[in-house]
Amino acid sequence: MKKTRTPQFSAAGKKHSALQQMETYFQFHDLTNSKNRLNNIVNYAVKKNSWIKEEPSDLFHFRQSMKSLVRAGYRITLKENKWEADDKKENATPLLLGSLSEKEYRNPLLVFKKAFSEYSVREFDYFMSGMIYSSLGVYDSVPEKNIVSPYIHLTKMLDAAHLILERRSRK
């Protein structure tokens, strides 16, 4: 019997560059909607006696997409010598900054470096899985680990990835 290969999410990361993975993410997910969905997932994960009203399949798809975005960010940090920082001074209004500081806005790669110096890719995957699992049901206890730091890092990664792609399209 001949074995057939089925495509897997992890195999897709090896075929495409990190920027292509980020572009694919933002083709399917809007920045604002992604941040709102992530916020809702975390809010419902810590609420007692309530669960998120979204389809579980949509949440699974979002988790897989975030997983590929995190991996793309990690691959960018590994190849940092190929990337140049955009150090030119831009008038950064608070609306443009989003969740980024002015320094991170000038060099979005700092967001990924800082995130992966504190947490591994596997820990971000565990965080997303745990938050989605907790948001889909009613539980008496809140998640046991620190959920604020990974949430902030993921929000900043969304902003930084969007900013990298926006600057790349301007060139």
N, C-alpha and C. Protein backbone atom coordinates (compact mmCIF):
# COMPACT_ATOMS: atom_id res chain seq x y z
N MET A 1 0.84 -1.16 0.00
CA MET A 1 0.00 0.00 0.00
C MET A 1 0.89 1.24 0.00
N LYS A 2 0.57 2.15 -0.87
CA LYS A 2 1.37 3.36 -1.02
C LYS A 2 0.92 4.41 0.00
N LYS A 3 1.88 5.00 0.69
CA LYS A 3 1.58 6.05 1.66
C LYS A 3 1.40 7.37 0.95
N THR A 4 0.37 8.09 1.31
CA THR A 4 0.17 9.44 0.77
C THR A 4 0.48 10.43 1.86
N ARG A 5 1.07 11.51 1.46
CA ARG A 5 1.41 12.55 2.44
C ARG A 5 0.26 13.54 2.55
N THR A 6 -0.08 13.85 3.74
CA THR A 6 -1.09 14.87 3.96
C THR A 6 -0.39 16.14 4.38
N PRO A 7 -0.84 17.27 3.85
CA PRO A 7 -0.19 18.53 4.24
C PRO A 7 -0.46 18.86 5.69
N GLN A 8 0.55 19.38 6.37
CA GLN A 8 0.41 19.77 7.75
C GLN A 8 0.79 21.23 7.90
N PHE A 9 0.30 21.83 8.97
CA PHE A 9 0.58 23.25 9.18
C PHE A 9 2.07 23.51 9.37
N SER A 10 2.77 22.61 10.04
CA SER A 10 4.18 22.83 10.30
C SER A 10 5.01 22.69 9.03
N ALA A 11 4.56 21.89 8.09
CA ALA A 11 5.31 21.72 6.85
C ALA A 11 5.22 22.98 6.00
N ALA A 12 4.14 23.72 6.13
CA ALA A 12 3.98 24.93 5.33
C ALA A 12 5.04 25.97 5.67
N GLY A 13 5.50 26.00 6.92
CA GLY A 13 6.49 26.98 7.34
C GLY A 13 7.84 26.77 6.71
N LYS A 14 8.13 25.54 6.30
CA LYS A 14 9.43 25.25 5.73
C LYS A 14 9.49 25.62 4.26
N LYS A 15 8.35 25.76 3.60
CA LYS A 15 8.32 26.03 2.18
C LYS A 15 8.30 27.53 1.87
N HIS A 16 7.87 28.33 2.80
CA HIS A 16 7.69 29.75 2.55
C HIS A 16 8.58 30.57 3.47
N SER A 17 8.89 31.76 3.02
CA SER A 17 9.68 32.65 3.86
C SER A 17 8.82 33.20 4.98
N ALA A 18 9.47 33.78 5.96
CA ALA A 18 8.76 34.32 7.11
C ALA A 18 7.83 35.46 6.68
N LEU A 19 8.28 36.29 5.76
CA LEU A 19 7.42 37.39 5.30
C LEU A 19 6.21 36.88 4.54
N GLN A 20 6.37 35.80 3.78
CA GLN A 20 5.23 35.22 3.08
C GLN A 20 4.22 34.66 4.08
N GLN A 21 4.71 34.07 5.15
CA GLN A 21 3.80 33.57 6.18
C GLN A 21 3.04 34.72 6.83
N MET A 22 3.73 35.83 7.09
CA MET A 22 3.05 36.99 7.68
C MET A 22 2.02 37.56 6.72
N GLU A 23 2.38 37.64 5.44
CA GLU A 23 1.43 38.14 4.44
C GLU A 23 0.19 37.25 4.38
N THR A 24 0.41 35.95 4.41
CA THR A 24 -0.71 35.00 4.37
C THR A 24 -1.60 35.19 5.59
N TYR A 25 -0.99 35.40 6.76
CA TYR A 25 -1.77 35.62 7.96
C TYR A 25 -2.69 36.82 7.78
N PHE A 26 -2.14 37.93 7.30
CA PHE A 26 -2.94 39.14 7.19
C PHE A 26 -3.87 39.13 5.98
N GLN A 27 -3.74 38.18 5.09
CA GLN A 27 -4.73 38.01 4.03
C GLN A 27 -6.02 37.42 4.60
N PHE A 28 -5.88 36.59 5.62
CA PHE A 28 -7.04 35.93 6.21
C PHE A 28 -7.55 36.61 7.46
N HIS A 29 -6.70 37.39 8.12
CA HIS A 29 -7.10 38.02 9.39
C HIS A 29 -6.72 39.50 9.36
N ASP A 30 -7.68 40.33 9.64
CA ASP A 30 -7.45 41.76 9.77
C ASP A 30 -6.76 42.04 11.10
N LEU A 31 -5.90 43.06 11.15
CA LEU A 31 -5.17 43.37 12.38
C LEU A 31 -6.11 43.67 13.54
N THR A 32 -7.08 44.52 13.31
CA THR A 32 -8.01 44.90 14.38
C THR A 32 -8.82 43.70 14.86
N ASN A 33 -9.32 42.91 13.92
CA ASN A 33 -10.11 41.75 14.30
C ASN A 33 -9.26 40.71 15.04
N SER A 34 -8.01 40.57 14.64
CA SER A 34 -7.12 39.63 15.31
C SER A 34 -6.88 40.04 16.76
N LYS A 35 -6.62 41.33 16.96
CA LYS A 35 -6.39 41.81 18.32
C LYS A 35 -7.65 41.68 19.16
N ASN A 36 -8.81 41.96 18.57
CA ASN A 36 -10.08 41.82 19.30
C ASN A 36 -10.35 40.36 19.65
N ARG A 37 -10.10 39.46 18.70
CA ARG A 37 -10.34 38.04 18.95
C ARG A 37 -9.40 37.52 20.05
N LEU A 38 -8.14 37.91 19.99
CA LEU A 38 -7.19 37.51 21.02
C LEU A 38 -7.62 38.05 22.39
N ASN A 39 -8.07 39.28 22.42
CA ASN A 39 -8.56 39.89 23.66
C ASN A 39 -9.78 39.12 24.19
N ASN A 40 -10.72 38.78 23.31
CA ASN A 40 -11.90 38.03 23.74
C ASN A 40 -11.53 36.66 24.28
N ILE A 41 -10.60 35.99 23.62
CA ILE A 41 -10.18 34.66 24.06
C ILE A 41 -9.61 34.74 25.47
N VAL A 42 -8.74 35.71 25.71
CA VAL A 42 -8.13 35.84 27.04
C VAL A 42 -9.18 36.26 28.07
N ASN A 43 -10.08 37.17 27.71
CA ASN A 43 -11.12 37.59 28.66
C ASN A 43 -12.02 36.43 29.06
N TYR A 44 -12.46 35.64 28.10
CA TYR A 44 -13.33 34.52 28.42
C TYR A 44 -12.59 33.40 29.14
N ALA A 45 -11.28 33.31 28.93
CA ALA A 45 -10.51 32.27 29.62
C ALA A 45 -10.43 32.54 31.12
N VAL A 46 -10.43 33.79 31.52
CA VAL A 46 -10.32 34.11 32.95
C VAL A 46 -11.67 34.34 33.62
N LYS A 47 -12.74 34.44 32.83
CA LYS A 47 -14.07 34.62 33.41
C LYS A 47 -14.59 33.29 33.93
N LYS A 48 -15.19 33.34 35.08
CA LYS A 48 -15.87 32.16 35.61
C LYS A 48 -17.31 32.18 35.09
N ASN A 49 -17.89 31.03 34.93
CA ASN A 49 -19.29 30.87 34.56
C ASN A 49 -19.67 31.46 33.21
N SER A 50 -18.74 31.57 32.28
CA SER A 50 -19.09 32.01 30.92
C SER A 50 -18.09 31.43 29.93
N TRP A 51 -18.54 31.31 28.70
CA TRP A 51 -17.66 30.81 27.65
C TRP A 51 -17.87 31.62 26.39
N ILE A 52 -16.90 31.56 25.51
CA ILE A 52 -16.91 32.35 24.29
C ILE A 52 -17.97 31.80 23.34
N LYS A 53 -18.63 32.66 22.63
CA LYS A 53 -19.75 32.26 21.78
C LYS A 53 -19.33 32.02 20.33
N GLU A 54 -18.06 31.87 20.07
CA GLU A 54 -17.59 31.62 18.71
C GLU A 54 -17.54 30.14 18.42
N GLU A 55 -17.53 29.82 17.13
CA GLU A 55 -17.40 28.43 16.72
C GLU A 55 -16.03 27.89 17.11
N PRO A 56 -15.96 26.73 17.70
CA PRO A 56 -14.66 26.15 18.05
C PRO A 56 -13.74 25.98 16.84
N SER A 57 -14.32 25.68 15.68
CA SER A 57 -13.48 25.51 14.49
C SER A 57 -12.83 26.83 14.09
N ASP A 58 -13.53 27.94 14.26
CA ASP A 58 -12.95 29.25 13.97
C ASP A 58 -11.80 29.57 14.93
N LEU A 59 -11.99 29.22 16.19
CA LEU A 59 -10.94 29.44 17.19
C LEU A 59 -9.73 28.56 16.91
N PHE A 60 -9.97 27.32 16.47
CA PHE A 60 -8.86 26.44 16.13
C PHE A 60 -8.08 27.01 14.93
N HIS A 61 -8.80 27.49 13.94
CA HIS A 61 -8.14 28.10 12.78
C HIS A 61 -7.34 29.32 13.19
N PHE A 62 -7.89 30.13 14.08
CA PHE A 62 -7.17 31.31 14.57
C PHE A 62 -5.91 30.89 15.32
N ARG A 63 -6.00 29.84 16.14
CA ARG A 63 -4.84 29.36 16.87
C ARG A 63 -3.75 28.88 15.92
N GLN A 64 -4.14 28.16 14.90
CA GLN A 64 -3.16 27.68 13.93
C GLN A 64 -2.52 28.85 13.18
N SER A 65 -3.30 29.86 12.86
CA SER A 65 -2.76 31.03 12.18
C SER A 65 -1.79 31.80 13.07
N MET A 66 -2.16 31.97 14.33
CA MET A 66 -1.27 32.64 15.27
C MET A 66 0.01 31.84 15.47
N LYS A 67 -0.12 30.53 15.47
CA LYS A 67 1.04 29.65 15.61
C LYS A 67 2.01 29.88 14.45
N SER A 68 1.49 30.00 13.23
CA SER A 68 2.37 30.24 12.09
C SER A 68 2.96 31.65 12.13
N LEU A 69 2.21 32.62 12.63
CA LEU A 69 2.73 33.98 12.75
C LEU A 69 3.87 34.04 13.78
N VAL A 70 3.71 33.35 14.89
CA VAL A 70 4.76 33.31 15.91
C VAL A 70 6.02 32.65 15.35
N ARG A 71 5.83 31.57 14.62
CA ARG A 71 6.99 30.89 14.01
C ARG A 71 7.67 31.77 12.97
N ALA A 72 6.89 32.52 12.22
CA ALA A 72 7.48 33.44 11.24
C ALA A 72 8.29 34.52 11.95
N GLY A 73 7.77 35.04 13.06
CA GLY A 73 8.52 36.02 13.85
C GLY A 73 9.80 35.45 14.40
N TYR A 74 9.75 34.20 14.80
CA TYR A 74 10.96 33.55 15.32
C TYR A 74 11.99 33.38 14.21
N ARG A 75 11.54 33.02 13.03
CA ARG A 75 12.47 32.87 11.90
C ARG A 75 13.09 34.20 11.52
N ILE A 76 12.36 35.28 11.67
CA ILE A 76 12.92 36.60 11.39
C ILE A 76 14.04 36.92 12.38
N THR A 77 13.84 36.57 13.64
CA THR A 77 14.88 36.87 14.63
C THR A 77 16.14 36.04 14.38
N LEU A 78 15.97 34.84 13.82
CA LEU A 78 17.14 34.02 13.51
C LEU A 78 17.96 34.58 12.37
N LYS A 79 17.27 35.29 11.46
CA LYS A 79 17.95 35.86 10.29
C LYS A 79 18.06 37.37 10.41
N GLU A 80 18.28 37.85 11.62
CA GLU A 80 18.26 39.29 11.87
C GLU A 80 19.33 40.04 11.10
N ASN A 81 20.45 39.40 10.75
CA ASN A 81 21.50 40.11 10.03
C ASN A 81 21.07 40.45 8.60
N LYS A 82 20.05 39.76 8.09
CA LYS A 82 19.55 40.07 6.75
C LYS A 82 18.55 41.22 6.76
N TRP A 83 18.03 41.52 7.92
CA TRP A 83 17.01 42.56 8.03
C TRP A 83 17.66 43.86 8.48
N GLU A 84 17.20 44.92 7.90
CA GLU A 84 17.71 46.22 8.30
C GLU A 84 16.64 46.97 9.09
N ALA A 85 17.07 47.67 10.08
CA ALA A 85 16.13 48.44 10.89
C ALA A 85 15.78 49.73 10.16
N ASP A 86 14.54 50.11 10.30
CA ASP A 86 14.07 51.34 9.67
C ASP A 86 14.25 52.46 10.68
N ASP A 87 15.44 53.06 10.71
CA ASP A 87 15.77 54.04 11.74
C ASP A 87 15.38 55.46 11.39
N LYS A 88 14.86 55.67 10.21
CA LYS A 88 14.52 57.05 9.87
C LYS A 88 13.40 57.55 10.77
N LYS A 89 13.49 58.81 11.08
CA LYS A 89 12.52 59.40 11.99
C LYS A 89 11.19 59.62 11.26
N GLU A 90 10.16 59.05 11.81
CA GLU A 90 8.81 59.27 11.33
C GLU A 90 8.02 59.90 12.46
N ASN A 91 7.05 60.68 12.09
CA ASN A 91 6.18 61.25 13.10
C ASN A 91 5.22 60.17 13.56
N ALA A 92 5.51 59.59 14.68
CA ALA A 92 4.70 58.50 15.21
C ALA A 92 3.66 59.06 16.17
N THR A 93 2.43 59.07 15.73
CA THR A 93 1.35 59.49 16.60
C THR A 93 0.93 58.30 17.46
N PRO A 94 0.30 58.54 18.58
CA PRO A 94 -0.15 57.42 19.43
C PRO A 94 -1.07 56.45 18.69
N LEU A 95 -1.81 56.92 17.72
CA LEU A 95 -2.68 56.04 16.96
C LEU A 95 -1.88 55.08 16.10
N LEU A 96 -0.78 55.56 15.52
CA LEU A 96 0.08 54.70 14.70
C LEU A 96 0.86 53.71 15.53
N LEU A 97 1.24 54.10 16.73
CA LEU A 97 2.06 53.24 17.57
C LEU A 97 1.34 51.96 17.97
N GLY A 98 0.04 52.03 18.19
CA GLY A 98 -0.68 50.86 18.67
C GLY A 98 -0.18 50.46 20.04
N SER A 99 0.26 49.23 20.18
CA SER A 99 0.78 48.76 21.46
C SER A 99 2.31 48.86 21.53
N LEU A 100 2.92 49.43 20.50
CA LEU A 100 4.38 49.51 20.44
C LEU A 100 4.89 50.81 21.05
N SER A 101 6.11 50.73 21.59
CA SER A 101 6.77 51.95 22.05
C SER A 101 7.39 52.64 20.83
N GLU A 102 7.88 53.86 21.01
CA GLU A 102 8.49 54.57 19.88
C GLU A 102 9.71 53.83 19.35
N LYS A 103 10.50 53.26 20.24
CA LYS A 103 11.68 52.49 19.84
C LYS A 103 11.28 51.25 19.04
N GLU A 104 10.24 50.56 19.50
CA GLU A 104 9.76 49.38 18.79
C GLU A 104 9.11 49.76 17.46
N TYR A 105 8.51 50.93 17.41
CA TYR A 105 7.91 51.39 16.16
C TYR A 105 8.99 51.64 15.11
N ARG A 106 10.11 52.21 15.54
CA ARG A 106 11.21 52.45 14.61
C ARG A 106 11.87 51.16 14.16
N ASN A 107 11.97 50.18 15.05
CA ASN A 107 12.58 48.89 14.74
C ASN A 107 11.69 47.77 15.26
N PRO A 108 10.73 47.31 14.45
CA PRO A 108 9.78 46.29 14.92
C PRO A 108 10.41 44.95 15.25
N LEU A 109 11.63 44.71 14.80
CA LEU A 109 12.29 43.44 15.12
C LEU A 109 12.58 43.32 16.61
N LEU A 110 12.66 44.46 17.30
CA LEU A 110 12.89 44.43 18.76
C LEU A 110 11.76 43.71 19.48
N VAL A 111 10.55 43.81 18.95
CA VAL A 111 9.39 43.15 19.57
C VAL A 111 9.61 41.64 19.58
N PHE A 112 10.02 41.11 18.44
CA PHE A 112 10.22 39.67 18.34
C PHE A 112 11.42 39.21 19.17
N LYS A 113 12.49 40.01 19.16
CA LYS A 113 13.67 39.64 19.96
C LYS A 113 13.32 39.57 21.44
N LYS A 114 12.60 40.56 21.92
CA LYS A 114 12.24 40.60 23.34
C LYS A 114 11.29 39.46 23.70
N ALA A 115 10.32 39.20 22.84
CA ALA A 115 9.35 38.14 23.10
C ALA A 115 10.03 36.77 23.18
N PHE A 116 10.95 36.51 22.26
CA PHE A 116 11.60 35.20 22.24
C PHE A 116 12.77 35.10 23.21
N SER A 117 13.17 36.21 23.79
CA SER A 117 14.15 36.12 24.87
C SER A 117 13.45 35.72 26.18
N GLU A 118 12.15 36.03 26.30
CA GLU A 118 11.40 35.68 27.51
C GLU A 118 10.67 34.34 27.40
N TYR A 119 10.16 34.03 26.21
CA TYR A 119 9.37 32.82 26.00
C TYR A 119 9.83 32.11 24.74
N SER A 120 9.65 30.81 24.72
CA SER A 120 9.99 30.03 23.53
C SER A 120 8.75 29.93 22.63
N VAL A 121 8.95 29.44 21.44
CA VAL A 121 7.84 29.24 20.51
C VAL A 121 6.86 28.25 21.11
N ARG A 122 7.38 27.22 21.73
CA ARG A 122 6.53 26.20 22.34
C ARG A 122 5.68 26.79 23.47
N GLU A 123 6.23 27.72 24.24
CA GLU A 123 5.46 28.35 25.32
C GLU A 123 4.34 29.22 24.77
N PHE A 124 4.58 29.90 23.65
CA PHE A 124 3.49 30.67 23.02
C PHE A 124 2.40 29.73 22.50
N ASP A 125 2.78 28.59 21.94
CA ASP A 125 1.80 27.61 21.49
C ASP A 125 0.98 27.09 22.67
N TYR A 126 1.66 26.79 23.76
CA TYR A 126 0.98 26.31 24.96
C TYR A 126 0.02 27.37 25.50
N PHE A 127 0.45 28.62 25.48
CA PHE A 127 -0.41 29.71 25.95
C PHE A 127 -1.68 29.78 25.12
N MET A 128 -1.53 29.79 23.78
CA MET A 128 -2.71 29.90 22.92
C MET A 128 -3.64 28.71 23.10
N SER A 129 -3.07 27.51 23.18
CA SER A 129 -3.89 26.31 23.37
C SER A 129 -4.65 26.38 24.69
N GLY A 130 -3.97 26.77 25.74
CA GLY A 130 -4.60 26.86 27.06
C GLY A 130 -5.69 27.92 27.12
N MET A 131 -5.45 29.04 26.50
CA MET A 131 -6.45 30.11 26.53
C MET A 131 -7.70 29.72 25.73
N ILE A 132 -7.50 29.09 24.60
CA ILE A 132 -8.66 28.67 23.80
C ILE A 132 -9.42 27.57 24.52
N TYR A 133 -8.70 26.62 25.09
CA TYR A 133 -9.35 25.56 25.85
C TYR A 133 -10.16 26.15 27.01
N SER A 134 -9.58 27.08 27.73
CA SER A 134 -10.27 27.68 28.88
C SER A 134 -11.44 28.56 28.47
N SER A 135 -11.35 29.18 27.30
CA SER A 135 -12.43 30.07 26.86
C SER A 135 -13.63 29.31 26.31
N LEU A 136 -13.44 28.04 25.95
CA LEU A 136 -14.53 27.26 25.37
C LEU A 136 -15.43 26.59 26.40
N GLY A 137 -15.08 26.63 27.65
CA GLY A 137 -15.89 25.97 28.67
C GLY A 137 -16.02 26.80 29.92
N VAL A 138 -16.85 26.32 30.83
CA VAL A 138 -17.06 26.97 32.11
C VAL A 138 -16.22 26.23 33.14
N TYR A 139 -15.30 26.95 33.78
CA TYR A 139 -14.41 26.36 34.77
C TYR A 139 -14.44 27.20 36.03
N ASP A 140 -14.19 26.55 37.15
CA ASP A 140 -14.19 27.25 38.43
C ASP A 140 -12.91 28.01 38.68
N SER A 141 -11.83 27.59 38.06
CA SER A 141 -10.56 28.23 38.33
C SER A 141 -10.03 28.91 37.07
N VAL A 142 -9.20 29.90 37.29
CA VAL A 142 -8.58 30.60 36.17
C VAL A 142 -7.29 29.86 35.78
N PRO A 143 -6.76 30.13 34.58
CA PRO A 143 -5.50 29.47 34.19
C PRO A 143 -4.41 29.71 35.22
N GLU A 144 -3.56 28.69 35.40
CA GLU A 144 -2.59 28.71 36.50
C GLU A 144 -1.36 29.55 36.25
N LYS A 145 -1.02 29.82 35.01
CA LYS A 145 0.21 30.55 34.71
C LYS A 145 -0.05 32.02 34.47
N ASN A 146 1.03 32.77 34.38
CA ASN A 146 0.94 34.18 34.04
C ASN A 146 0.43 34.30 32.61
N ILE A 147 -0.69 34.94 32.43
CA ILE A 147 -1.24 35.07 31.09
C ILE A 147 -1.08 36.48 30.52
N VAL A 148 -0.69 37.41 31.34
CA VAL A 148 -0.60 38.80 30.89
C VAL A 148 0.59 39.01 29.96
N SER A 149 1.75 38.53 30.34
CA SER A 149 2.95 38.75 29.52
C SER A 149 2.86 38.12 28.14
N PRO A 150 2.47 36.84 28.01
CA PRO A 150 2.35 36.29 26.66
C PRO A 150 1.29 37.01 25.82
N TYR A 151 0.21 37.43 26.48
CA TYR A 151 -0.84 38.17 25.77
C TYR A 151 -0.29 39.49 25.22
N ILE A 152 0.46 40.21 26.04
CA ILE A 152 1.04 41.49 25.60
C ILE A 152 2.03 41.25 24.47
N HIS A 153 2.86 40.22 24.59
CA HIS A 153 3.82 39.91 23.54
C HIS A 153 3.11 39.57 22.22
N LEU A 154 2.05 38.78 22.30
CA LEU A 154 1.33 38.42 21.08
C LEU A 154 0.67 39.63 20.43
N THR A 155 0.13 40.52 21.25
CA THR A 155 -0.48 41.74 20.71
C THR A 155 0.58 42.61 20.03
N LYS A 156 1.73 42.74 20.66
CA LYS A 156 2.82 43.51 20.06
C LYS A 156 3.34 42.83 18.79
N MET A 157 3.38 41.50 18.78
CA MET A 157 3.82 40.79 17.57
C MET A 157 2.89 41.05 16.41
N LEU A 158 1.60 41.10 16.68
CA LEU A 158 0.64 41.42 15.62
C LEU A 158 0.91 42.80 15.04
N ASP A 159 1.10 43.79 15.93
CA ASP A 159 1.39 45.15 15.47
C ASP A 159 2.72 45.21 14.71
N ALA A 160 3.74 44.55 15.23
CA ALA A 160 5.07 44.60 14.60
C ALA A 160 5.05 43.91 13.24
N ALA A 161 4.40 42.76 13.14
CA ALA A 161 4.33 42.06 11.85
C ALA A 161 3.58 42.89 10.82
N HIS A 162 2.50 43.51 11.24
CA HIS A 162 1.75 44.37 10.32
C HIS A 162 2.59 45.56 9.88
N LEU A 163 3.35 46.13 10.79
CA LEU A 163 4.21 47.27 10.47
C LEU A 163 5.33 46.87 9.52
N ILE A 164 5.92 45.71 9.72
CA ILE A 164 6.98 45.22 8.83
C ILE A 164 6.44 45.07 7.41
N LEU A 165 5.27 44.47 7.29
CA LEU A 165 4.69 44.28 5.95
C LEU A 165 4.28 45.60 5.32
N GLU A 166 3.78 46.52 6.14
CA GLU A 166 3.39 47.83 5.62
C GLU A 166 4.61 48.57 5.09
N ARG A 167 5.70 48.56 5.82
CA ARG A 167 6.92 49.23 5.37
C ARG A 167 7.52 48.55 4.15
N ARG A 168 7.40 47.26 4.09
CA ARG A 168 7.92 46.52 2.94
C ARG A 168 7.12 46.87 1.68
N SER A 169 5.83 47.06 1.81
CA SER A 169 5.00 47.39 0.64
C SER A 169 5.24 48.83 0.17
N ARG A 170 5.68 49.70 1.07
CA ARG A 170 5.97 51.10 0.69
C ARG A 170 7.22 51.22 -0.15
N LYS A 171 8.15 50.27 0.03
CA LYS A 171 9.43 50.37 -0.69
C LYS A 171 9.30 50.02 -2.14
